[in-house]
Amino acid sequence: MGWHYNKSVKVGPFRINLSRHGIGHSFGGRRFHVSTTPDGRRHVSVRLPGGFHLGKTFGGRRRHHPY
């Protein structure tokens, strides 16, 4: 069973997200939101009227091979 830790601190229009994987940050409001994860991926999401939600992640997660 794994353990999780999440803490979020709001600094002006930015939000700094702390987790056991590192530090990420996000910016935006309810309709438009951009976030960066600790491993460097960026996620952009847009919420449209009527319950529609569009999201796109940029940058892949780097995987380390054991060999």
N, C-alpha and C. Protein backbone atom coordinates (compact mmCIF):
# COMPACT_ATOMS: atom_id res chain seq x y z
N MET A 1 0.84 -1.17 0.00
CA MET A 1 0.00 0.00 0.00
C MET A 1 0.89 1.23 0.00
N GLY A 2 0.67 2.14 -0.94
CA GLY A 2 1.50 3.34 -1.08
C GLY A 2 0.99 4.48 -0.22
N TRP A 3 1.81 5.48 -0.09
CA TRP A 3 1.42 6.66 0.69
C TRP A 3 1.36 7.86 -0.23
N HIS A 4 0.52 8.81 0.12
CA HIS A 4 0.30 10.01 -0.69
C HIS A 4 0.43 11.24 0.18
N TYR A 5 0.88 12.32 -0.44
CA TYR A 5 0.93 13.60 0.24
C TYR A 5 0.65 14.68 -0.79
N ASN A 6 -0.31 15.55 -0.50
CA ASN A 6 -0.63 16.67 -1.37
C ASN A 6 -0.86 17.90 -0.51
N LYS A 7 -0.24 18.99 -0.88
CA LYS A 7 -0.44 20.27 -0.22
C LYS A 7 -0.46 21.32 -1.31
N SER A 8 -1.38 22.26 -1.22
CA SER A 8 -1.52 23.28 -2.24
C SER A 8 -1.51 24.65 -1.56
N VAL A 9 -0.72 25.57 -2.13
CA VAL A 9 -0.61 26.92 -1.58
C VAL A 9 -0.93 27.91 -2.70
N LYS A 10 -1.87 28.82 -2.43
CA LYS A 10 -2.25 29.81 -3.43
C LYS A 10 -1.42 31.07 -3.23
N VAL A 11 -0.78 31.53 -4.32
CA VAL A 11 0.05 32.74 -4.31
C VAL A 11 -0.42 33.61 -5.47
N GLY A 12 -1.31 34.56 -5.17
CA GLY A 12 -1.88 35.40 -6.23
C GLY A 12 -2.69 34.54 -7.18
N PRO A 13 -2.46 34.69 -8.49
CA PRO A 13 -3.21 33.87 -9.45
C PRO A 13 -2.62 32.48 -9.63
N PHE A 14 -1.50 32.19 -8.99
CA PHE A 14 -0.83 30.89 -9.13
C PHE A 14 -1.15 29.99 -7.95
N ARG A 15 -1.03 28.70 -8.20
CA ARG A 15 -1.17 27.71 -7.14
C ARG A 15 0.06 26.81 -7.20
N ILE A 16 0.73 26.67 -6.07
CA ILE A 16 1.91 25.80 -5.98
C ILE A 16 1.46 24.51 -5.32
N ASN A 17 1.73 23.40 -5.99
CA ASN A 17 1.28 22.09 -5.54
C ASN A 17 2.47 21.28 -5.07
N LEU A 18 2.43 20.83 -3.85
CA LEU A 18 3.50 20.02 -3.27
C LEU A 18 3.00 18.59 -3.12
N SER A 19 3.81 17.64 -3.54
CA SER A 19 3.47 16.23 -3.37
C SER A 19 4.76 15.46 -3.11
N ARG A 20 4.64 14.18 -2.87
CA ARG A 20 5.84 13.40 -2.62
C ARG A 20 6.69 13.24 -3.88
N HIS A 21 6.12 13.54 -5.05
CA HIS A 21 6.87 13.46 -6.31
C HIS A 21 7.62 14.74 -6.63
N GLY A 22 7.28 15.84 -5.97
CA GLY A 22 7.97 17.10 -6.22
C GLY A 22 7.02 18.28 -6.17
N ILE A 23 7.43 19.35 -6.84
CA ILE A 23 6.66 20.59 -6.84
C ILE A 23 6.12 20.85 -8.24
N GLY A 24 4.85 21.14 -8.32
CA GLY A 24 4.21 21.53 -9.57
C GLY A 24 3.55 22.88 -9.37
N HIS A 25 3.06 23.46 -10.44
CA HIS A 25 2.35 24.73 -10.31
C HIS A 25 1.23 24.80 -11.32
N SER A 26 0.26 25.65 -11.04
CA SER A 26 -0.88 25.80 -11.93
C SER A 26 -1.32 27.25 -11.95
N PHE A 27 -2.06 27.56 -13.01
CA PHE A 27 -2.53 28.92 -13.23
C PHE A 27 -3.86 28.85 -13.94
N GLY A 28 -4.78 29.71 -13.58
CA GLY A 28 -6.04 29.76 -14.30
C GLY A 28 -7.22 29.75 -13.36
N GLY A 29 -8.38 29.74 -13.98
CA GLY A 29 -9.61 29.76 -13.23
C GLY A 29 -10.49 28.59 -13.58
N ARG A 30 -11.76 28.80 -13.46
CA ARG A 30 -12.72 27.72 -13.67
C ARG A 30 -12.82 27.32 -15.15
N ARG A 31 -12.74 28.28 -16.07
CA ARG A 31 -12.92 27.98 -17.49
C ARG A 31 -11.63 27.56 -18.21
N PHE A 32 -10.50 28.12 -17.82
CA PHE A 32 -9.23 27.84 -18.49
C PHE A 32 -8.17 27.60 -17.43
N HIS A 33 -7.41 26.50 -17.57
CA HIS A 33 -6.47 26.11 -16.53
C HIS A 33 -5.23 25.50 -17.17
N VAL A 34 -4.06 25.92 -16.72
CA VAL A 34 -2.79 25.36 -17.18
C VAL A 34 -2.03 24.88 -15.95
N SER A 35 -1.52 23.66 -16.00
CA SER A 35 -0.76 23.15 -14.87
C SER A 35 0.49 22.44 -15.36
N THR A 36 1.51 22.44 -14.52
CA THR A 36 2.76 21.74 -14.78
C THR A 36 3.01 20.76 -13.65
N THR A 37 3.28 19.51 -13.99
CA THR A 37 3.50 18.48 -12.99
C THR A 37 4.98 18.44 -12.59
N PRO A 38 5.31 17.78 -11.49
CA PRO A 38 6.71 17.71 -11.07
C PRO A 38 7.63 17.03 -12.09
N ASP A 39 7.10 16.15 -12.93
CA ASP A 39 7.95 15.48 -13.92
C ASP A 39 8.02 16.22 -15.25
N GLY A 40 7.46 17.45 -15.31
CA GLY A 40 7.63 18.28 -16.49
C GLY A 40 6.51 18.28 -17.49
N ARG A 41 5.49 17.46 -17.28
CA ARG A 41 4.36 17.46 -18.21
C ARG A 41 3.51 18.72 -17.99
N ARG A 42 2.89 19.21 -19.05
CA ARG A 42 1.99 20.36 -18.96
C ARG A 42 0.61 19.92 -19.40
N HIS A 43 -0.39 20.35 -18.66
CA HIS A 43 -1.77 20.01 -18.98
C HIS A 43 -2.57 21.29 -19.12
N VAL A 44 -3.26 21.41 -20.24
CA VAL A 44 -4.12 22.57 -20.51
C VAL A 44 -5.54 22.06 -20.61
N SER A 45 -6.45 22.70 -19.88
CA SER A 45 -7.85 22.27 -19.94
C SER A 45 -8.76 23.49 -20.09
N VAL A 46 -9.84 23.29 -20.83
CA VAL A 46 -10.83 24.32 -21.07
C VAL A 46 -12.20 23.72 -20.78
N ARG A 47 -12.98 24.40 -19.98
CA ARG A 47 -14.35 23.98 -19.69
C ARG A 47 -15.30 24.92 -20.44
N LEU A 48 -16.19 24.32 -21.20
CA LEU A 48 -17.13 25.07 -22.00
C LEU A 48 -18.53 24.97 -21.40
N PRO A 49 -19.39 25.93 -21.68
CA PRO A 49 -20.77 25.84 -21.19
C PRO A 49 -21.45 24.57 -21.68
N GLY A 50 -22.33 24.04 -20.88
CA GLY A 50 -23.05 22.83 -21.25
C GLY A 50 -22.37 21.56 -20.75
N GLY A 51 -21.32 21.69 -19.95
CA GLY A 51 -20.66 20.52 -19.37
C GLY A 51 -19.55 19.93 -20.23
N PHE A 52 -19.14 20.60 -21.28
CA PHE A 52 -18.06 20.09 -22.12
C PHE A 52 -16.70 20.45 -21.52
N HIS A 53 -15.77 19.52 -21.64
CA HIS A 53 -14.44 19.71 -21.09
C HIS A 53 -13.41 19.20 -22.10
N LEU A 54 -12.45 20.04 -22.44
CA LEU A 54 -11.38 19.66 -23.35
C LEU A 54 -10.06 19.74 -22.59
N GLY A 55 -9.22 18.74 -22.76
CA GLY A 55 -7.94 18.74 -22.08
C GLY A 55 -6.86 18.15 -22.96
N LYS A 56 -5.65 18.64 -22.82
CA LYS A 56 -4.52 18.13 -23.60
C LYS A 56 -3.28 18.15 -22.73
N THR A 57 -2.51 17.07 -22.75
CA THR A 57 -1.27 16.98 -22.00
C THR A 57 -0.11 17.03 -22.98
N PHE A 58 0.87 17.86 -22.67
CA PHE A 58 2.06 18.01 -23.50
C PHE A 58 3.28 17.50 -22.75
N GLY A 59 4.16 16.84 -23.46
CA GLY A 59 5.37 16.32 -22.86
C GLY A 59 5.11 14.97 -22.23
N GLY A 60 5.96 14.02 -22.58
CA GLY A 60 5.78 12.68 -22.05
C GLY A 60 6.57 12.46 -20.79
N ARG A 61 6.17 11.49 -20.09
CA ARG A 61 6.88 11.10 -18.88
C ARG A 61 8.12 10.31 -19.27
N ARG A 62 9.23 10.68 -18.73
CA ARG A 62 10.46 9.95 -19.04
C ARG A 62 10.55 8.71 -18.17
N ARG A 63 10.77 7.60 -18.82
CA ARG A 63 10.87 6.34 -18.07
C ARG A 63 12.31 5.87 -18.12
N HIS A 64 12.76 5.43 -16.98
CA HIS A 64 14.13 4.93 -16.89
C HIS A 64 14.10 3.41 -17.03
N HIS A 65 14.90 2.91 -17.95
CA HIS A 65 14.97 1.47 -18.16
C HIS A 65 16.05 0.89 -17.26
N PRO A 66 15.78 -0.24 -16.63
CA PRO A 66 16.74 -0.81 -15.68
C PRO A 66 17.98 -1.42 -16.32
N TYR A 67 18.03 -1.51 -17.64
CA TYR A 67 19.19 -2.15 -18.28
C TYR A 67 20.12 -1.17 -18.84
